[in-house]
């Protein structure tokens, strides 16, 4: 992954994170979180191929990922 690819991936992750935080629709937020997870997986895969991946080096925070578990009103999505 060259510098431009890393930049685009980080920008995509930032954009998906922002969109997820702004979305009030649970279905839309779920789609955005899926895109975020895919982009994060791509980032981790490319880093591991380069041999530079450290544990926890993903730009996606735990708080962002955990946000997918809530419906926007503080309740778990399974409730």
N, C-alpha and C. Protein backbone atom coordinates (compact mmCIF):
# COMPACT_ATOMS: atom_id res chain seq x y z
N UNK A 1 0.86 -1.16 0.00
CA UNK A 1 0.00 0.00 0.00
C UNK A 1 0.91 1.22 0.00
N UNK A 2 0.75 2.04 -0.99
CA UNK A 2 1.58 3.24 -1.04
C UNK A 2 0.96 4.35 -0.21
N UNK A 3 1.65 5.46 -0.14
CA UNK A 3 1.22 6.57 0.71
C UNK A 3 -0.17 7.09 0.32
N UNK A 4 -0.46 7.15 -0.97
CA UNK A 4 -1.76 7.64 -1.42
C UNK A 4 -2.87 6.68 -0.98
N UNK A 5 -2.65 5.37 -1.11
CA UNK A 5 -3.64 4.39 -0.68
C UNK A 5 -3.91 4.50 0.81
N UNK A 6 -2.85 4.66 1.59
CA UNK A 6 -3.02 4.81 3.05
C UNK A 6 -3.82 6.06 3.37
N UNK A 7 -3.51 7.14 2.66
CA UNK A 7 -4.24 8.39 2.87
C UNK A 7 -5.72 8.21 2.57
N UNK A 8 -6.04 7.61 1.43
CA UNK A 8 -7.44 7.41 1.04
C UNK A 8 -8.15 6.52 2.04
N UNK A 9 -7.49 5.47 2.48
CA UNK A 9 -8.10 4.57 3.45
C UNK A 9 -8.39 5.30 4.76
N UNK A 10 -7.42 6.07 5.24
CA UNK A 10 -7.65 6.83 6.49
C UNK A 10 -8.78 7.85 6.31
N UNK A 11 -8.82 8.51 5.18
CA UNK A 11 -9.89 9.48 4.92
C UNK A 11 -11.25 8.78 4.86
N UNK A 12 -11.31 7.61 4.23
CA UNK A 12 -12.57 6.86 4.18
C UNK A 12 -13.02 6.47 5.58
N UNK A 13 -12.09 6.01 6.40
CA UNK A 13 -12.42 5.62 7.76
C UNK A 13 -12.94 6.83 8.54
N UNK A 14 -12.27 7.97 8.42
CA UNK A 14 -12.74 9.19 9.08
C UNK A 14 -14.13 9.58 8.60
N UNK A 15 -14.36 9.48 7.29
CA UNK A 15 -15.66 9.86 6.72
C UNK A 15 -16.76 8.93 7.22
N UNK A 16 -16.50 7.62 7.20
CA UNK A 16 -17.52 6.67 7.66
C UNK A 16 -17.80 6.86 9.15
N UNK A 17 -16.77 7.14 9.92
CA UNK A 17 -16.96 7.39 11.35
C UNK A 17 -17.85 8.62 11.55
N UNK A 18 -17.58 9.68 10.80
CA UNK A 18 -18.37 10.91 10.91
C UNK A 18 -19.82 10.66 10.47
N UNK A 19 -20.00 9.96 9.36
CA UNK A 19 -21.35 9.67 8.88
C UNK A 19 -22.13 8.83 9.89
N UNK A 20 -21.47 7.85 10.50
CA UNK A 20 -22.14 7.00 11.49
C UNK A 20 -22.58 7.82 12.69
N UNK A 21 -21.75 8.78 13.10
CA UNK A 21 -22.11 9.58 14.27
C UNK A 21 -23.23 10.56 13.96
N UNK A 22 -23.40 10.93 12.70
CA UNK A 22 -24.44 11.88 12.31
C UNK A 22 -25.76 11.21 11.96
N UNK A 23 -25.71 9.94 11.64
CA UNK A 23 -26.90 9.23 11.19
C UNK A 23 -27.86 8.97 12.34
N UNK A 24 -29.16 9.16 12.08
CA UNK A 24 -30.17 8.85 13.08
C UNK A 24 -30.94 7.59 12.72
N UNK A 25 -30.75 7.09 11.53
CA UNK A 25 -31.44 5.89 11.06
C UNK A 25 -30.58 4.66 11.36
N UNK A 26 -31.12 3.71 12.08
CA UNK A 26 -30.36 2.53 12.50
C UNK A 26 -29.89 1.71 11.30
N UNK A 27 -30.73 1.56 10.28
CA UNK A 27 -30.35 0.77 9.11
C UNK A 27 -29.20 1.45 8.36
N UNK A 28 -29.29 2.75 8.20
CA UNK A 28 -28.22 3.49 7.52
C UNK A 28 -26.92 3.41 8.31
N UNK A 29 -27.03 3.58 9.62
CA UNK A 29 -25.84 3.50 10.47
C UNK A 29 -25.21 2.10 10.38
N UNK A 30 -26.04 1.09 10.30
CA UNK A 30 -25.55 -0.28 10.16
C UNK A 30 -24.77 -0.45 8.85
N UNK A 31 -25.28 0.09 7.76
CA UNK A 31 -24.57 0.02 6.47
C UNK A 31 -23.25 0.76 6.54
N UNK A 32 -23.26 1.92 7.17
CA UNK A 32 -22.04 2.71 7.29
C UNK A 32 -21.01 1.96 8.14
N UNK A 33 -21.46 1.35 9.23
CA UNK A 33 -20.55 0.61 10.09
C UNK A 33 -19.96 -0.60 9.35
N UNK A 34 -20.74 -1.20 8.46
CA UNK A 34 -20.22 -2.31 7.65
C UNK A 34 -19.11 -1.80 6.74
N UNK A 35 -19.33 -0.66 6.10
CA UNK A 35 -18.30 -0.06 5.25
C UNK A 35 -17.06 0.28 6.07
N UNK A 36 -17.27 0.80 7.26
CA UNK A 36 -16.17 1.15 8.14
C UNK A 36 -15.36 -0.10 8.50
N UNK A 37 -16.04 -1.18 8.83
CA UNK A 37 -15.35 -2.43 9.17
C UNK A 37 -14.57 -2.97 7.97
N UNK A 38 -15.14 -2.88 6.77
CA UNK A 38 -14.45 -3.34 5.57
C UNK A 38 -13.19 -2.52 5.32
N UNK A 39 -13.30 -1.22 5.46
CA UNK A 39 -12.16 -0.34 5.24
C UNK A 39 -11.07 -0.60 6.28
N UNK A 40 -11.49 -0.81 7.52
CA UNK A 40 -10.54 -1.12 8.58
C UNK A 40 -9.83 -2.43 8.31
N UNK A 41 -10.56 -3.45 7.86
CA UNK A 41 -9.95 -4.74 7.54
C UNK A 41 -8.94 -4.60 6.41
N UNK A 42 -9.29 -3.80 5.41
CA UNK A 42 -8.36 -3.56 4.30
C UNK A 42 -7.09 -2.89 4.80
N UNK A 43 -7.25 -1.91 5.67
CA UNK A 43 -6.11 -1.19 6.23
C UNK A 43 -5.21 -2.15 7.01
N UNK A 44 -5.79 -2.97 7.86
CA UNK A 44 -5.02 -3.93 8.66
C UNK A 44 -4.31 -4.94 7.77
N UNK A 45 -5.00 -5.44 6.74
CA UNK A 45 -4.39 -6.41 5.83
C UNK A 45 -3.18 -5.82 5.13
N UNK A 46 -3.32 -4.62 4.62
CA UNK A 46 -2.21 -3.99 3.93
C UNK A 46 -1.04 -3.72 4.87
N UNK A 47 -1.33 -3.30 6.09
CA UNK A 47 -0.25 -3.09 7.05
C UNK A 47 0.47 -4.39 7.37
N UNK A 48 -0.30 -5.47 7.51
CA UNK A 48 0.34 -6.75 7.84
C UNK A 48 1.19 -7.24 6.67
N UNK A 49 0.78 -6.97 5.47
CA UNK A 49 1.58 -7.35 4.29
C UNK A 49 2.89 -6.60 4.25
N UNK A 50 2.86 -5.37 4.75
CA UNK A 50 4.07 -4.55 4.78
C UNK A 50 4.95 -4.88 5.98
N UNK A 51 4.42 -5.68 6.89
CA UNK A 51 5.18 -6.03 8.08
C UNK A 51 5.21 -4.94 9.12
N UNK A 52 4.39 -3.92 8.97
CA UNK A 52 4.41 -2.81 9.90
C UNK A 52 3.21 -2.76 10.81
N UNK A 53 2.43 -3.83 10.85
CA UNK A 53 1.22 -3.81 11.67
C UNK A 53 1.53 -4.17 13.11
N UNK A 54 1.20 -3.27 13.96
CA UNK A 54 1.28 -3.54 15.39
C UNK A 54 -0.13 -3.77 15.89
N UNK A 55 -0.27 -4.50 16.97
CA UNK A 55 -1.59 -4.72 17.54
C UNK A 55 -2.22 -3.36 17.84
N UNK A 56 -3.47 -3.21 17.47
CA UNK A 56 -4.18 -1.97 17.77
C UNK A 56 -3.78 -0.80 16.89
N UNK A 57 -3.15 -1.06 15.75
CA UNK A 57 -2.69 0.05 14.92
C UNK A 57 -3.77 0.59 13.99
N UNK A 58 -4.96 0.01 14.05
CA UNK A 58 -6.04 0.45 13.20
C UNK A 58 -6.53 1.84 13.62
N UNK A 59 -6.91 2.67 12.63
CA UNK A 59 -7.43 3.99 12.97
C UNK A 59 -8.87 3.95 13.49
N UNK A 60 -9.51 2.80 13.45
CA UNK A 60 -10.88 2.69 13.94
C UNK A 60 -10.83 2.46 15.44
N UNK A 61 -11.47 3.32 16.19
CA UNK A 61 -11.44 3.21 17.65
C UNK A 61 -12.48 2.22 18.15
N UNK A 62 -12.25 1.70 19.32
CA UNK A 62 -13.21 0.79 19.94
C UNK A 62 -14.54 1.48 20.15
N UNK A 63 -14.51 2.74 20.52
CA UNK A 63 -15.75 3.48 20.73
C UNK A 63 -16.57 3.54 19.45
N UNK A 64 -15.93 3.72 18.32
CA UNK A 64 -16.65 3.76 17.04
C UNK A 64 -17.27 2.42 16.74
N UNK A 65 -16.52 1.36 16.92
CA UNK A 65 -17.03 0.03 16.64
C UNK A 65 -18.17 -0.30 17.59
N UNK A 66 -18.02 0.03 18.87
CA UNK A 66 -19.07 -0.25 19.84
C UNK A 66 -20.34 0.52 19.55
N UNK A 67 -20.24 1.63 18.87
CA UNK A 67 -21.40 2.45 18.54
C UNK A 67 -22.40 1.68 17.70
N UNK A 68 -21.94 0.71 16.93
CA UNK A 68 -22.82 -0.09 16.09
C UNK A 68 -23.78 -0.92 16.93
N UNK A 69 -23.46 -1.12 18.20
CA UNK A 69 -24.29 -1.93 19.08
C UNK A 69 -25.47 -1.15 19.67
N UNK A 70 -25.60 0.12 19.37
CA UNK A 70 -26.65 0.94 19.94
C UNK A 70 -27.53 1.53 18.84
N UNK A 71 -28.77 1.80 19.21
CA UNK A 71 -29.75 2.28 18.23
C UNK A 71 -29.84 3.79 18.16
N UNK A 72 -28.93 4.50 18.84
CA UNK A 72 -28.94 5.95 18.80
C UNK A 72 -29.66 6.57 19.98
N UNK A 73 -30.35 5.75 20.78
CA UNK A 73 -31.04 6.26 21.95
C UNK A 73 -30.50 5.63 23.21
N UNK A 74 -29.27 5.11 23.14
CA UNK A 74 -28.64 4.54 24.31
C UNK A 74 -29.06 3.12 24.62
N UNK A 75 -29.89 2.55 23.75
CA UNK A 75 -30.33 1.18 23.97
C UNK A 75 -29.57 0.27 23.03
N UNK A 76 -29.34 -0.94 23.47
CA UNK A 76 -28.73 -1.94 22.61
C UNK A 76 -29.62 -2.22 21.42
N UNK A 77 -29.05 -2.46 20.25
CA UNK A 77 -29.83 -2.68 19.04
C UNK A 77 -30.65 -3.97 19.12
N UNK A 78 -30.28 -4.88 20.02
CA UNK A 78 -31.02 -6.11 20.18
C UNK A 78 -32.23 -5.98 21.07
N UNK A 79 -32.47 -4.78 21.66
CA UNK A 79 -33.57 -4.60 22.59
C UNK A 79 -34.87 -4.42 21.86
